[in-house]
C-alpha atoms as a PDB file:
ATOM      1  CA  MET A   1       0.000   0.000   0.000  1.00  0.00           C
ATOM      2  CA  ALA A   2       2.765   2.479   0.931  1.00  0.00           C
ATOM      3  CA  LEU A   3       4.652   1.643  -2.245  1.00  0.00           C
ATOM      4  CA  SER A   4       1.611   2.534  -4.318  1.00  0.00           C
ATOM      5  CA  ASN A   5       1.358   5.944  -2.641  1.00  0.00           C
ATOM      6  CA  ILE A   6       5.052   6.580  -3.209  1.00  0.00           C
ATOM      7  CA  GLU A   7       4.698   5.647  -6.875  1.00  0.00           C
ATOM      8  CA  LYS A   8       1.736   8.011  -7.225  1.00  0.00           C
ATOM      9  CA  GLN A   9       3.672  10.824  -5.568  1.00  0.00           C
ATOM     10  CA  GLN A  10       6.665  10.131  -7.784  1.00  0.00           C
ATOM     11  CA  ALA A  11       4.454  10.291 -10.880  1.00  0.00           C
ATOM     12  CA  LYS A  12       3.009  13.614  -9.673  1.00  0.00           C
ATOM     13  CA  LEU A  13       6.526  14.916  -9.031  1.00  0.00           C
ATOM     14  CA  GLU A  14       7.681  13.899 -12.505  1.00  0.00           C
ATOM     15  CA  LYS A  15       4.633  15.586 -14.018  1.00  0.00           C
ATOM     16  CA  LEU A  16       5.318  18.747 -12.011  1.00  0.00           C
ATOM     17  CA  ASN A  17       8.999  18.741 -13.015  1.00  0.00           C
ATOM     18  CA  GLU A  18       7.979  18.456 -16.674  1.00  0.00           C
ATOM     19  CA  LYS A  19       5.551  21.362 -16.249  1.00  0.00           C
ATOM     20  CA  ILE A  20       8.315  23.476 -14.658  1.00  0.00           C
ATOM     21  CA  LYS A  21      10.656  22.579 -17.519  1.00  0.00           C
ATOM     22  CA  GLN A  22       8.036  23.662 -20.087  1.00  0.00           C
ATOM     23  CA  GLU A  23       7.394  26.956 -18.260  1.00  0.00           C
ATOM     24  CA  LYS A  24      11.125  27.702 -18.166  1.00  0.00           C
ATOM     25  CA  LYS A  25      11.300  27.013 -21.900  1.00  0.00           C
ATOM     26  CA  LYS A  26       8.421  29.448 -22.524  1.00  0.00           C
ATOM     27  CA  ILE A  27      10.151  32.140 -20.459  1.00  0.00           C
ATOM     28  CA  ASP A  28      13.429  31.584 -22.316  1.00  0.00           C
ATOM     29  CA  GLN A  29      11.665  31.939 -25.644  1.00  0.00           C
ATOM     30  CA  ARG A  30       9.716  35.042 -24.595  1.00  0.00           C
ATOM     31  CA  LEU A  31      12.802  36.703 -23.164  1.00  0.00           C
ATOM     32  CA  GLY A  32      14.802  36.033 -26.297  1.00  0.00           C
ATOM     33  CA  HIS A  33      11.959  37.254 -28.491  1.00  0.00           C
ATOM     34  CA  ASP A  34      11.502  40.437 -26.461  1.00  0.00           C
ATOM     35  CA  ILE A  35      15.233  41.218 -26.505  1.00  0.00           C
ATOM     36  CA  ILE A  36      15.362  40.787 -30.276  1.00  0.00           C
ATOM     37  CA  LYS A  37      12.191  42.829 -30.730  1.00  0.00           C
ATOM     38  CA  TYR A  38      13.079  45.759 -28.468  1.00  0.00           C
ATOM     39  CA  ALA A  39      16.674  45.921 -29.677  1.00  0.00           C
ATOM     40  CA  ASN A  40      15.438  45.982 -33.281  1.00  0.00           C
ATOM     41  CA  LEU A  41      17.792  43.153 -34.192  1.00  0.00           C
ATOM     42  CA  ASP A  42      17.662  41.511 -37.597  1.00  0.00           C
ATOM     43  CA  TYR A  43      17.144  37.759 -37.347  1.00  0.00           C
ATOM     44  CA  SER A  44      19.300  37.215 -40.427  1.00  0.00           C
ATOM     45  CA  ASN A  45      22.324  38.650 -38.567  1.00  0.00           C
ATOM     46  CA  LEU A  46      21.929  36.487 -35.471  1.00  0.00           C
ATOM     47  CA  ASP A  47      24.356  33.602 -35.804  1.00  0.00           C
ATOM     48  CA  GLN A  48      25.504  31.550 -32.826  1.00  0.00           C
ATOM     49  CA  GLY A  49      28.562  33.739 -32.184  1.00  0.00           C
ATOM     50  CA  THR A  50      26.477  36.921 -32.186  1.00  0.00           C
ATOM     51  CA  LEU A  51      23.933  35.364 -29.836  1.00  0.00           C
ATOM     52  CA  LYS A  52      26.662  34.377 -27.374  1.00  0.00           C
ATOM     53  CA  GLU A  53      28.203  37.845 -27.588  1.00  0.00           C
ATOM     54  CA  LEU A  54      24.837  39.507 -26.916  1.00  0.00           C
ATOM     55  CA  ALA A  55      24.125  37.128 -24.051  1.00  0.00           C
ATOM     56  CA  GLY A  56      27.517  37.941 -22.532  1.00  0.00           C
ATOM     57  CA  LYS A  57      26.849  41.671 -22.776  1.00  0.00           C
ATOM     58  CA  ILE A  58      23.418  41.300 -21.200  1.00  0.00           C
ATOM     59  CA  VAL A  59      24.823  39.199 -18.356  1.00  0.00           C
ATOM     60  CA  THR A  60      27.609  41.722 -17.761  1.00  0.00           C
ATOM     61  CA  TYR A  61      25.098  44.573 -17.695  1.00  0.00           C
ATOM     62  CA  LEU A  62      22.774  42.745 -15.320  1.00  0.00           C
ATOM     63  CA  ASN A  63      25.635  41.790 -13.014  1.00  0.00           C
ATOM     64  CA  GLU A  64      26.964  45.355 -12.934  1.00  0.00           C
ATOM     65  CA  ASP A  65      23.465  46.687 -12.296  1.00  0.00           C
ATOM     66  CA  SER A  66      22.939  44.117  -9.547  1.00  0.00           C
ATOM     67  CA  ILE A  67      26.218  45.094  -7.875  1.00  0.00           C
ATOM     68  CA  ALA A  68      25.369  48.790  -8.156  1.00  0.00           C
ATOM     69  CA  ASN A  69      21.955  48.209  -6.606  1.00  0.00           C
ATOM     70  CA  SER A  70      23.487  46.074  -3.881  1.00  0.00           C
ATOM     71  CA  ASN A  71      26.049  48.758  -3.061  1.00  0.00           C
ATOM     72  CA  SER A  72      23.329  51.405  -3.080  1.00  0.00           C
ATOM     73  CA  SER A  73      21.247  49.304  -0.718  1.00  0.00           C
ATOM     74  CA  VAL A  74      24.196  48.822   1.660  1.00  0.00           C
ATOM     75  CA  SER A  75      24.950  52.551   1.507  1.00  0.00           C
ATOM     76  CA  ASN A  76      21.327  53.419   2.275  1.00  0.00           C
ATOM     77  CA  GLN A  77      21.242  50.986   5.193  1.00  0.00           C
ATOM     78  CA  SER A  78      24.464  52.460   6.536  1.00  0.00           C
ATOM     79  CA  ASN A  79      23.054  55.990   6.284  1.00  0.00           C
ATOM     80  CA  GLU A  80      19.836  54.925   7.994  1.00  0.00           C
ATOM     81  CA  GLN A  81      21.751  53.303  10.827  1.00  0.00           C
ATOM     82  CA  GLY A  82      23.883  56.419  11.185  1.00  0.00           C
ATOM     83  CA  ASN A  83      20.764  58.590  11.321  1.00  0.00           C
ATOM     84  CA  GLU A  84      19.238  56.341  13.967  1.00  0.00           C
ATOM     85  CA  PHE A  85      22.426  56.519  16.017  1.00  0.00           C
ATOM     86  CA  ASN A  86      22.515  60.315  15.719  1.00  0.00           C
ATOM     87  CA  GLN A  87      18.881  60.537  16.797  1.00  0.00           C
ATOM     88  CA  LEU A  88      19.610  58.400  19.855  1.00  0.00           C
ATOM     89  CA  GLN A  89      22.588  60.554  20.727  1.00  0.00           C
ATOM     90  CA  GLY A  90      20.738  63.839  20.180  1.00  0.00           C
END
């Protein structure tokens, strides 16, 4: 009896994993399509090397932006803590 329940749960898990995989594929396709569309890129000029170069540039930009936002967040937290300390002192 327990084995049957485990097999059913495993089947559900496999089905869910397949659904997740399909959703990720849809997102990948939409993201790629939107990048090409908004950047006004010509499909005929997009060979594998160009795609990898563009992907690298996008990743670099996102990483730099993420670091900048992270540093800004740390700076803001530091300023807030300093303000709180000053208020306690004053």
